Structures are given as C-alpha cells and as structure tokens.
Amino acid sequence: MSNQYFVYIMTFAGNPVLYTGVTNNLKHRAVKHREKLADGFTKKSNMTKLVYFETCEDVNEAISKEKQIKEDSRQKKLGLIQPMNPEWIDLYENL
C-alpha cells in the first residue's frame, strides 16, 4: 500500500490569509490547526478552516507542490480553491 501525502490550504473567517502546508495525515493536521495545538503562524493567525487539498503519492511531489503554491500569487491560489470549493466551506467536516 502506498503512502498518501496532502498539500492543503487553510484560512479563517473572511478568508483574508491563505496558509499552505503539507502532511501525510490531513485530518490530524487539520485538528492541530483548528485546536491551536501547533505553535507558530497558524496558531497566531487562527487558521481553522480547511478550504483546499490535493493528494500526492510521493512525498517529494507533495513538497514541491507546496513550495509552488506558496510562491504563487493569491489569484493563482484562488484558482485552485474555487473549482474544488466554490462556497469556501470547511472541508474538514467531510474528511
């Protein structure tokens, strides 16, 4: 069985800031963000809403994708989110 890795984008009410991350356990990572269990930017910024994710089967591919998204403009990030999640609902509820 192959491992899965997830590249994801989180935000908070009003969607003013988009945080991009990578993990091999999306549900666990989302809980850490939502419950403010991980120190750092996401805790200080109240990143609680999962609005985008994609699956990769290779960790290097996932890390590369994360770096690419982080470098992208906000418009490009919105271009990823909108087709998958046009209502900007919290995808955590469906994991």
PDB file of N, CA and C in Angstrom:
ATOM      1  N   MET A   1       0.844  -1.176   0.000  1.00  0.00           N
ATOM      2  CA  MET A   1       0.000   0.000   0.000  1.00  0.00           C
ATOM      3  C   MET A   1       0.891   1.243   0.000  1.00  0.00           C
ATOM      4  N   SER A   2       0.607   2.179  -0.889  1.00  0.00           N
ATOM      5  CA  SER A   2       1.420   3.383  -0.978  1.00  0.00           C
ATOM      6  C   SER A   2       0.953   4.437   0.018  1.00  0.00           C
ATOM      7  N   ASN A   3       1.883   5.279   0.419  1.00  0.00           N
ATOM      8  CA  ASN A   3       1.556   6.382   1.317  1.00  0.00           C
ATOM      9  C   ASN A   3       0.859   7.484   0.535  1.00  0.00           C
ATOM     10  N   GLN A   4       0.083   8.260   1.255  1.00  0.00           N
ATOM     11  CA  GLN A   4      -0.537   9.436   0.657  1.00  0.00           C
ATOM     12  C   GLN A   4      -0.055  10.659   1.400  1.00  0.00           C
ATOM     13  N   TYR A   5       0.155  11.711   0.651  1.00  0.00           N
ATOM     14  CA  TYR A   5       0.561  12.992   1.198  1.00  0.00           C
ATOM     15  C   TYR A   5      -0.434  14.025   0.694  1.00  0.00           C
ATOM     16  N   PHE A   6      -0.653  15.036   1.490  1.00  0.00           N
ATOM     17  CA  PHE A   6      -1.647  16.040   1.162  1.00  0.00           C
ATOM     18  C   PHE A   6      -1.023  17.426   1.182  1.00  0.00           C
ATOM     19  N   VAL A   7      -1.305  18.184   0.159  1.00  0.00           N
ATOM     20  CA  VAL A   7      -0.996  19.603   0.124  1.00  0.00           C
ATOM     21  C   VAL A   7      -2.326  20.286   0.410  1.00  0.00           C
ATOM     22  N   TYR A   8      -2.323  21.238   1.329  1.00  0.00           N
ATOM     23  CA  TYR A   8      -3.590  21.813   1.749  1.00  0.00           C
ATOM     24  C   TYR A   8      -3.478  23.322   1.942  1.00  0.00           C
ATOM     25  N   ILE A   9      -4.635  23.977   1.920  1.00  0.00           N
ATOM     26  CA  ILE A   9      -4.720  25.406   2.190  1.00  0.00           C
ATOM     27  C   ILE A   9      -5.747  25.611   3.289  1.00  0.00           C
ATOM     28  N   MET A  10      -5.344  26.392   4.294  1.00  0.00           N
ATOM     29  CA  MET A  10      -6.227  26.735   5.413  1.00  0.00           C
ATOM     30  C   MET A  10      -6.401  28.245   5.443  1.00  0.00           C
ATOM     31  N   THR A  11      -7.494  28.678   6.054  1.00  0.00           N
ATOM     32  CA  THR A  11      -7.760  30.095   6.229  1.00  0.00           C
ATOM     33  C   THR A  11      -8.620  30.263   7.476  1.00  0.00           C
ATOM     34  N   PHE A  12      -9.222  31.414   7.643  1.00  0.00           N
ATOM     35  CA  PHE A  12     -10.133  31.658   8.756  1.00  0.00           C
ATOM     36  C   PHE A  12     -11.234  32.589   8.276  1.00  0.00           C
ATOM     37  N   ALA A  13     -12.138  32.965   9.154  1.00  0.00           N
ATOM     38  CA  ALA A  13     -13.321  33.760   8.790  1.00  0.00           C
ATOM     39  C   ALA A  13     -12.958  34.921   7.880  1.00  0.00           C
ATOM     40  N   GLY A  14     -13.686  35.051   6.789  1.00  0.00           N
ATOM     41  CA  GLY A  14     -13.447  36.115   5.834  1.00  0.00           C
ATOM     42  C   GLY A  14     -12.388  35.793   4.791  1.00  0.00           C
ATOM     43  N   ASN A  15     -11.626  34.736   5.006  1.00  0.00           N
ATOM     44  CA  ASN A  15     -10.624  34.233   4.059  1.00  0.00           C
ATOM     45  C   ASN A  15      -9.544  35.251   3.680  1.00  0.00           C
ATOM     46  N   PRO A  16      -9.087  36.102   4.620  1.00  0.00           N
ATOM     47  CA  PRO A  16      -8.118  37.127   4.230  1.00  0.00           C
ATOM     48  C   PRO A  16      -6.698  36.602   4.012  1.00  0.00           C
ATOM     49  N   VAL A  17      -6.337  35.507   4.688  1.00  0.00           N
ATOM     50  CA  VAL A  17      -4.993  34.943   4.600  1.00  0.00           C
ATOM     51  C   VAL A  17      -5.114  33.479   4.229  1.00  0.00           C
ATOM     52  N   LEU A  18      -4.232  33.027   3.344  1.00  0.00           N
ATOM     53  CA  LEU A  18      -4.225  31.629   2.917  1.00  0.00           C
ATOM     54  C   LEU A  18      -2.905  31.000   3.353  1.00  0.00           C
ATOM     55  N   TYR A  19      -3.001  29.922   4.119  1.00  0.00           N
ATOM     56  CA  TYR A  19      -1.821  29.204   4.595  1.00  0.00           C
ATOM     57  C   TYR A  19      -1.731  27.875   3.855  1.00  0.00           C
ATOM     58  N   THR A  20      -0.559  27.571   3.318  1.00  0.00           N
ATOM     59  CA  THR A  20      -0.337  26.326   2.587  1.00  0.00           C
ATOM     60  C   THR A  20       0.589  25.416   3.384  1.00  0.00           C
ATOM     61  N   GLY A  21       0.232  24.138   3.451  1.00  0.00           N
ATOM     62  CA  GLY A  21       1.050  23.176   4.165  1.00  0.00           C
ATOM     63  C   GLY A  21       1.040  21.819   3.483  1.00  0.00           C
ATOM     64  N   VAL A  22       1.817  20.901   4.036  1.00  0.00           N
ATOM     65  CA  VAL A  22       1.887  19.535   3.530  1.00  0.00           C
ATOM     66  C   VAL A  22       1.898  18.586   4.723  1.00  0.00           C
ATOM     67  N   THR A  23       1.266  17.426   4.570  1.00  0.00           N
ATOM     68  CA  THR A  23       1.181  16.448   5.653  1.00  0.00           C
ATOM     69  C   THR A  23       0.899  15.068   5.066  1.00  0.00           C
ATOM     70  N   ASN A  24       1.121  14.046   5.881  1.00  0.00           N
ATOM     71  CA  ASN A  24       0.718  12.696   5.472  1.00  0.00           C
ATOM     72  C   ASN A  24      -0.528  12.247   6.233  1.00  0.00           C
ATOM     73  N   ASN A  25      -1.075  13.136   7.076  1.00  0.00           N
ATOM     74  CA  ASN A  25      -2.297  12.824   7.815  1.00  0.00           C
ATOM     75  C   ASN A  25      -3.131  14.107   7.904  1.00  0.00           C
ATOM     76  N   LEU A  26      -3.966  14.322   6.912  1.00  0.00           N
ATOM     77  CA  LEU A  26      -4.688  15.581   6.776  1.00  0.00           C
ATOM     78  C   LEU A  26      -5.653  15.830   7.929  1.00  0.00           C
ATOM     79  N   LYS A  27      -6.364  14.817   8.335  1.00  0.00           N
ATOM     80  CA  LYS A  27      -7.330  15.004   9.417  1.00  0.00           C
ATOM     81  C   LYS A  27      -6.614  15.411  10.710  1.00  0.00           C
ATOM     82  N   HIS A  28      -5.543  14.715  11.035  1.00  0.00           N
ATOM     83  CA  HIS A  28      -4.775  15.029  12.241  1.00  0.00           C
ATOM     84  C   HIS A  28      -4.210  16.452  12.170  1.00  0.00           C
ATOM     85  N   ARG A  29      -3.650  16.814  11.019  1.00  0.00           N
ATOM     86  CA  ARG A  29      -3.066  18.149  10.886  1.00  0.00           C
ATOM     87  C   ARG A  29      -4.134  19.227  10.991  1.00  0.00           C
ATOM     88  N   ALA A  30      -5.285  18.996  10.377  1.00  0.00           N
ATOM     89  CA  ALA A  30      -6.376  19.971  10.460  1.00  0.00           C
ATOM     90  C   ALA A  30      -6.831  20.161  11.904  1.00  0.00           C
ATOM     91  N   VAL A  31      -6.889  19.072  12.664  1.00  0.00           N
ATOM     92  CA  VAL A  31      -7.265  19.170  14.084  1.00  0.00           C
ATOM     93  C   VAL A  31      -6.236  20.012  14.835  1.00  0.00           C
ATOM     94  N   LYS A  32      -4.951  19.789  14.561  1.00  0.00           N
ATOM     95  CA  LYS A  32      -3.912  20.565  15.235  1.00  0.00           C
ATOM     96  C   LYS A  32      -4.075  22.055  14.960  1.00  0.00           C
ATOM     97  N   HIS A  33      -4.405  22.405  13.719  1.00  0.00           N
ATOM     98  CA  HIS A  33      -4.634  23.814  13.381  1.00  0.00           C
ATOM     99  C   HIS A  33      -5.890  24.332  14.064  1.00  0.00           C
ATOM    100  N   ARG A  34      -6.961  23.589  13.955  1.00  0.00           N
ATOM    101  CA  ARG A  34      -8.257  24.023  14.498  1.00  0.00           C
ATOM    102  C   ARG A  34      -8.223  24.192  16.015  1.00  0.00           C
ATOM    103  N   GLU A  35      -7.520  23.298  16.695  1.00  0.00           N
ATOM    104  CA  GLU A  35      -7.462  23.329  18.162  1.00  0.00           C
ATOM    105  C   GLU A  35      -6.276  24.143  18.676  1.00  0.00           C
ATOM    106  N   LYS A  36      -5.542  24.756  17.737  1.00  0.00           N
ATOM    107  CA  LYS A  36      -4.379  25.590  18.074  1.00  0.00           C
ATOM    108  C   LYS A  36      -3.335  24.813  18.882  1.00  0.00           C
ATOM    109  N   LEU A  37      -3.075  23.600  18.470  1.00  0.00           N
ATOM    110  CA  LEU A  37      -2.110  22.741  19.146  1.00  0.00           C
ATOM    111  C   LEU A  37      -0.711  22.861  18.556  1.00  0.00           C
ATOM    112  N   ALA A  38      -0.596  23.505  17.405  1.00  0.00           N
ATOM    113  CA  ALA A  38       0.702  23.682  16.762  1.00  0.00           C
ATOM    114  C   ALA A  38       1.118  25.144  16.901  1.00  0.00           C
ATOM    115  N   ASP A  39       2.236  25.369  17.584  1.00  0.00           N
ATOM    116  CA  ASP A  39       2.718  26.731  17.744  1.00  0.00           C
ATOM    117  C   ASP A  39       3.136  27.298  16.391  1.00  0.00           C
ATOM    118  N   GLY A  40       3.104  28.609  16.292  1.00  0.00           N
ATOM    119  CA  GLY A  40       3.573  29.252  15.082  1.00  0.00           C
ATOM    120  C   GLY A  40       2.509  30.106  14.428  1.00  0.00           C
ATOM    121  N   PHE A  41       2.718  30.340  13.142  1.00  0.00           N
ATOM    122  CA  PHE A  41       1.868  31.241  12.378  1.00  0.00           C
ATOM    123  C   PHE A  41       0.395  30.858  12.411  1.00  0.00           C
ATOM    124  N   THR A  42       0.104  29.577  12.216  1.00  0.00           N
ATOM    125  CA  THR A  42      -1.307  29.176  12.140  1.00  0.00           C
ATOM    126  C   THR A  42      -2.023  29.351  13.471  1.00  0.00           C
ATOM    127  N   LYS A  43      -1.308  29.178  14.566  1.00  0.00           N
ATOM    128  CA  LYS A  43      -1.906  29.383  15.879  1.00  0.00           C
ATOM    129  C   LYS A  43      -2.191  30.864  16.113  1.00  0.00           C
ATOM    130  N   LYS A  44      -1.207  31.705  15.813  1.00  0.00           N
ATOM    131  CA  LYS A  44      -1.370  33.144  15.995  1.00  0.00           C
ATOM    132  C   LYS A  44      -2.418  33.719  15.054  1.00  0.00           C
ATOM    133  N   SER A  45      -2.535  33.131  13.874  1.00  0.00           N
ATOM    134  CA  SER A  45      -3.445  33.661  12.855  1.00  0.00           C
ATOM    135  C   SER A  45      -4.815  33.010  12.871  1.00  0.00           C
ATOM    136  N   ASN A  46      -5.027  32.049  13.770  1.00  0.00           N
ATOM    137  CA  ASN A  46      -6.336  31.404  13.919  1.00  0.00           C
ATOM    138  C   ASN A  46      -6.781  30.655  12.660  1.00  0.00           C
ATOM    139  N   MET A  47      -5.858  29.942  12.039  1.00  0.00           N
ATOM    140  CA  MET A  47      -6.169  29.163  10.835  1.00  0.00           C
ATOM    141  C   MET A  47      -6.997  27.948  11.218  1.00  0.00           C
ATOM    142  N   THR A  48      -8.283  27.997  10.982  1.00  0.00           N
ATOM    143  CA  THR A  48      -9.176  26.926  11.436  1.00  0.00           C
ATOM    144  C   THR A  48     -10.007  26.306  10.317  1.00  0.00           C
ATOM    145  N   LYS A  49      -9.943  26.837   9.119  1.00  0.00           N
ATOM    146  CA  LYS A  49     -10.835  26.382   8.050  1.00  0.00           C
ATOM    147  C   LYS A  49     -10.027  25.786   6.895  1.00  0.00           C
ATOM    148  N   LEU A  50     -10.229  24.490   6.652  1.00  0.00           N
ATOM    149  CA  LEU A  50      -9.591  23.791   5.535  1.00  0.00           C
ATOM    150  C   LEU A  50     -10.405  24.066   4.276  1.00  0.00           C
ATOM    151  N   VAL A  51      -9.805  24.746   3.294  1.00  0.00           N
ATOM    152  CA  VAL A  51     -10.562  25.121   2.098  1.00  0.00           C
ATOM    153  C   VAL A  51     -10.089  24.423   0.824  1.00  0.00           C
ATOM    154  N   TYR A  52      -8.937  23.751   0.885  1.00  0.00           N
ATOM    155  CA  TYR A  52      -8.415  23.091  -0.317  1.00  0.00           C
ATOM    156  C   TYR A  52      -7.441  21.993   0.106  1.00  0.00           C
ATOM    157  N   PHE A  53      -7.446  20.908  -0.650  1.00  0.00           N
ATOM    158  CA  PHE A  53      -6.384  19.913  -0.506  1.00  0.00           C
ATOM    159  C   PHE A  53      -6.294  19.097  -1.774  1.00  0.00           C
ATOM    160  N   GLU A  54      -5.134  18.547  -1.980  1.00  0.00           N
ATOM    161  CA  GLU A  54      -4.931  17.591  -3.066  1.00  0.00           C
ATOM    162  C   GLU A  54      -4.025  16.488  -2.555  1.00  0.00           C
ATOM    163  N   THR A  55      -4.143  15.342  -3.158  1.00  0.00           N
ATOM    164  CA  THR A  55      -3.407  14.156  -2.732  1.00  0.00           C
ATOM    165  C   THR A  55      -2.236  13.904  -3.669  1.00  0.00           C
ATOM    166  N   CYS A  56      -1.099  13.533  -3.092  1.00  0.00           N
ATOM    167  CA  CYS A  56       0.082  13.130  -3.845  1.00  0.00           C
ATOM    168  C   CYS A  56       0.528  11.776  -3.299  1.00  0.00           C
ATOM    169  N   GLU A  57       1.092  10.960  -4.146  1.00  0.00           N
ATOM    170  CA  GLU A  57       1.568   9.649  -3.692  1.00  0.00           C
ATOM    171  C   GLU A  57       3.048   9.641  -3.363  1.00  0.00           C
ATOM    172  N   ASP A  58       3.734  10.731  -3.664  1.00  0.00           N
ATOM    173  CA  ASP A  58       5.167  10.820  -3.419  1.00  0.00           C
ATOM    174  C   ASP A  58       5.443  12.053  -2.560  1.00  0.00           C
ATOM    175  N   VAL A  59       6.208  11.884  -1.491  1.00  0.00           N
ATOM    176  CA  VAL A  59       6.473  12.989  -0.577  1.00  0.00           C
ATOM    177  C   VAL A  59       7.197  14.139  -1.280  1.00  0.00           C
ATOM    178  N   ASN A  60       8.109  13.827  -2.183  1.00  0.00           N
ATOM    179  CA  ASN A  60       8.833  14.881  -2.893  1.00  0.00           C
ATOM    180  C   ASN A  60       7.908  15.685  -3.804  1.00  0.00           C
ATOM    181  N   GLU A  61       6.964  14.991  -4.422  1.00  0.00           N
ATOM    182  CA  GLU A  61       5.966  15.676  -5.249  1.00  0.00           C
ATOM    183  C   GLU A  61       5.126  16.616  -4.382  1.00  0.00           C
ATOM    184  N   ALA A  62       4.730  16.147  -3.208  1.00  0.00           N
ATOM    185  CA  ALA A  62       3.912  16.964  -2.307  1.00  0.00           C
ATOM    186  C   ALA A  62       4.680  18.199  -1.838  1.00  0.00           C
ATOM    187  N   ILE A  63       5.926  18.019  -1.466  1.00  0.00           N
ATOM    188  CA  ILE A  63       6.741  19.147  -1.007  1.00  0.00           C
ATOM    189  C   ILE A  63       6.959  20.147  -2.135  1.00  0.00           C
ATOM    190  N   SER A  64       7.214  19.638  -3.323  1.00  0.00           N
ATOM    191  CA  SER A  64       7.396  20.513  -4.482  1.00  0.00           C
ATOM    192  C   SER A  64       6.124  21.313  -4.779  1.00  0.00           C
ATOM    193  N   LYS A  65       4.991  20.641  -4.713  1.00  0.00           N
ATOM    194  CA  LYS A  65       3.704  21.307  -4.951  1.00  0.00           C
ATOM    195  C   LYS A  65       3.445  22.368  -3.884  1.00  0.00           C
ATOM    196  N   GLU A  66       3.739  22.046  -2.627  1.00  0.00           N
ATOM    197  CA  GLU A  66       3.568  23.015  -1.544  1.00  0.00           C
ATOM    198  C   GLU A  66       4.405  24.262  -1.804  1.00  0.00           C
ATOM    199  N   LYS A  67       5.661  24.081  -2.164  1.00  0.00           N
ATOM    200  CA  LYS A  67       6.552  25.216  -2.439  1.00  0.00           C
ATOM    201  C   LYS A  67       6.022  26.053  -3.599  1.00  0.00           C
ATOM    202  N   GLN A  68       5.530  25.372  -4.642  1.00  0.00           N
ATOM    203  CA  GLN A  68       4.986  26.078  -5.799  1.00  0.00           C
ATOM    204  C   GLN A  68       3.790  26.934  -5.387  1.00  0.00           C
ATOM    205  N   ILE A  69       2.870  26.352  -4.632  1.00  0.00           N
ATOM    206  CA  ILE A  69       1.675  27.085  -4.205  1.00  0.00           C
ATOM    207  C   ILE A  69       2.058  28.263  -3.321  1.00  0.00           C
ATOM    208  N   LYS A  70       3.014  28.068  -2.421  1.00  0.00           N
ATOM    209  CA  LYS A  70       3.447  29.159  -1.545  1.00  0.00           C
ATOM    210  C   LYS A  70       3.999  30.331  -2.345  1.00  0.00           C
ATOM    211  N   GLU A  71       4.645  30.040  -3.452  1.00  0.00           N
ATOM    212  CA  GLU A  71       5.221  31.091  -4.294  1.00  0.00           C
ATOM    213  C   GLU A  71       4.178  31.740  -5.211  1.00  0.00           C
ATOM    214  N   ASP A  72       3.069  31.054  -5.438  1.00  0.00           N
ATOM    215  CA  ASP A  72       2.033  31.566  -6.336  1.00  0.00           C
ATOM    216  C   ASP A  72       1.370  32.812  -5.770  1.00  0.00           C
ATOM    217  N   SER A  73       0.810  33.594  -6.658  1.00  0.00           N
ATOM    218  CA  SER A  73       0.040  34.767  -6.257  1.00  0.00           C
ATOM    219  C   SER A  73      -1.267  34.323  -5.599  1.00  0.00           C
ATOM    220  N   ARG A  74      -1.887  35.244  -4.906  1.00  0.00           N
ATOM    221  CA  ARG A  74      -3.192  34.952  -4.307  1.00  0.00           C
ATOM    222  C   ARG A  74      -4.186  34.529  -5.392  1.00  0.00           C
ATOM    223  N   GLN A  75      -4.147  35.167  -6.540  1.00  0.00           N
ATOM    224  CA  GLN A  75      -5.068  34.836  -7.636  1.00  0.00           C
ATOM    225  C   GLN A  75      -4.910  33.378  -8.072  1.00  0.00           C
ATOM    226  N   LYS A  76      -3.686  32.897  -8.166  1.00  0.00           N
ATOM    227  CA  LYS A  76      -3.464  31.502  -8.552  1.00  0.00           C
ATOM    228  C   LYS A  76      -3.983  30.556  -7.469  1.00  0.00           C
ATOM    229  N   LYS A  77      -3.799  30.930  -6.212  1.00  0.00           N
ATOM    230  CA  LYS A  77      -4.322  30.108  -5.120  1.00  0.00           C
ATOM    231  C   LYS A  77      -5.844  30.068  -5.180  1.00  0.00           C
ATOM    232  N   LEU A  78      -6.453  31.205  -5.449  1.00  0.00           N
ATOM    233  CA  LEU A  78      -7.909  31.238  -5.585  1.00  0.00           C
ATOM    234  C   LEU A  78      -8.354  30.356  -6.745  1.00  0.00           C
ATOM    235  N   GLY A  79      -7.542  30.298  -7.797  1.00  0.00           N
ATOM    236  CA  GLY A  79      -7.833  29.445  -8.943  1.00  0.00           C
ATOM    237  C   GLY A  79      -7.809  27.961  -8.599  1.00  0.00           C
ATOM    238  N   LEU A  80      -7.072  27.588  -7.579  1.00  0.00           N
ATOM    239  CA  LEU A  80      -7.091  26.203  -7.094  1.00  0.00           C
ATOM    240  C   LEU A  80      -8.332  25.953  -6.235  1.00  0.00           C
ATOM    241  N   ILE A  81      -8.623  26.896  -5.358  1.00  0.00           N
ATOM    242  CA  ILE A  81      -9.701  26.721  -4.385  1.00  0.00           C
ATOM    243  C   ILE A  81     -11.074  26.759  -5.039  1.00  0.00           C
ATOM    244  N   GLN A  82     -11.327  27.748  -5.876  1.00  0.00           N
ATOM    245  CA  GLN A  82     -12.671  27.986  -6.434  1.00  0.00           C
ATOM    246  C   GLN A  82     -13.303  26.765  -7.114  1.00  0.00           C
ATOM    247  N   PRO A  83     -12.600  26.068  -8.004  1.00  0.00           N
ATOM    248  CA  PRO A  83     -13.236  24.909  -8.662  1.00  0.00           C
ATOM    249  C   PRO A  83     -13.570  23.777  -7.687  1.00  0.00           C
ATOM    250  N   MET A  84     -12.716  23.568  -6.689  1.00  0.00           N
ATOM    251  CA  MET A  84     -12.922  22.478  -5.735  1.00  0.00           C
ATOM    252  C   MET A  84     -13.918  22.861  -4.653  1.00  0.00           C
ATOM    253  N   ASN A  85     -13.922  24.140  -4.282  1.00  0.00           N
ATOM    254  CA  ASN A  85     -14.687  24.568  -3.121  1.00  0.00           C
ATOM    255  C   ASN A  85     -15.252  25.980  -3.347  1.00  0.00           C
ATOM    256  N   PRO A  86     -16.182  26.123  -4.283  1.00  0.00           N
ATOM    257  CA  PRO A  86     -16.691  27.459  -4.635  1.00  0.00           C
ATOM    258  C   PRO A  86     -17.401  28.184  -3.497  1.00  0.00           C
ATOM    259  N   GLU A  87     -17.916  27.453  -2.535  1.00  0.00           N
ATOM    260  CA  GLU A  87     -18.613  28.077  -1.405  1.00  0.00           C
ATOM    261  C   GLU A  87     -17.676  28.336  -0.222  1.00  0.00           C
ATOM    262  N   TRP A  88     -16.415  27.934  -0.353  1.00  0.00           N
ATOM    263  CA  TRP A  88     -15.423  28.097   0.699  1.00  0.00           C
ATOM    264  C   TRP A  88     -15.888  27.473   2.016  1.00  0.00           C
ATOM    265  N   ILE A  89     -16.495  26.296   1.911  1.00  0.00           N
ATOM    266  CA  ILE A  89     -16.904  25.599   3.133  1.00  0.00           C
ATOM    267  C   ILE A  89     -15.684  24.973   3.795  1.00  0.00           C
ATOM    268  N   ASP A  90     -15.799  24.623   5.049  1.00  0.00           N
ATOM    269  CA  ASP A  90     -14.726  23.951   5.771  1.00  0.00           C
ATOM    270  C   ASP A  90     -14.743  22.475   5.374  1.00  0.00           C
ATOM    271  N   LEU A  91     -13.754  22.075   4.589  1.00  0.00           N
ATOM    272  CA  LEU A  91     -13.693  20.696   4.092  1.00  0.00           C
ATOM    273  C   LEU A  91     -13.378  19.688   5.180  1.00  0.00           C
ATOM    274  N   TYR A  92     -12.915  20.153   6.318  1.00  0.00           N
ATOM    275  CA  TYR A  92     -12.633  19.253   7.435  1.00  0.00           C
ATOM    276  C   TYR A  92     -13.851  18.432   7.803  1.00  0.00           C
ATOM    277  N   GLU A  93     -15.013  19.035   7.726  1.00  0.00           N
ATOM    278  CA  GLU A  93     -16.254  18.360   8.114  1.00  0.00           C
ATOM    279  C   GLU A  93     -16.520  17.108   7.280  1.00  0.00           C
ATOM    280  N   ASN A  94     -15.917  17.022   6.095  1.00  0.00           N
ATOM    281  CA  ASN A  94     -16.166  15.878   5.208  1.00  0.00           C
ATOM    282  C   ASN A  94     -14.982  14.904   5.119  1.00  0.00           C
ATOM    283  N   LEU A  95     -13.978  15.110   5.945  1.00  0.00           N
ATOM    284  CA  LEU A  95     -12.819  14.194   5.899  1.00  0.00           C
ATOM    285  C   LEU A  95     -13.175  12.851   6.520  1.00  0.00           C
TER     286      LEU A  95
END
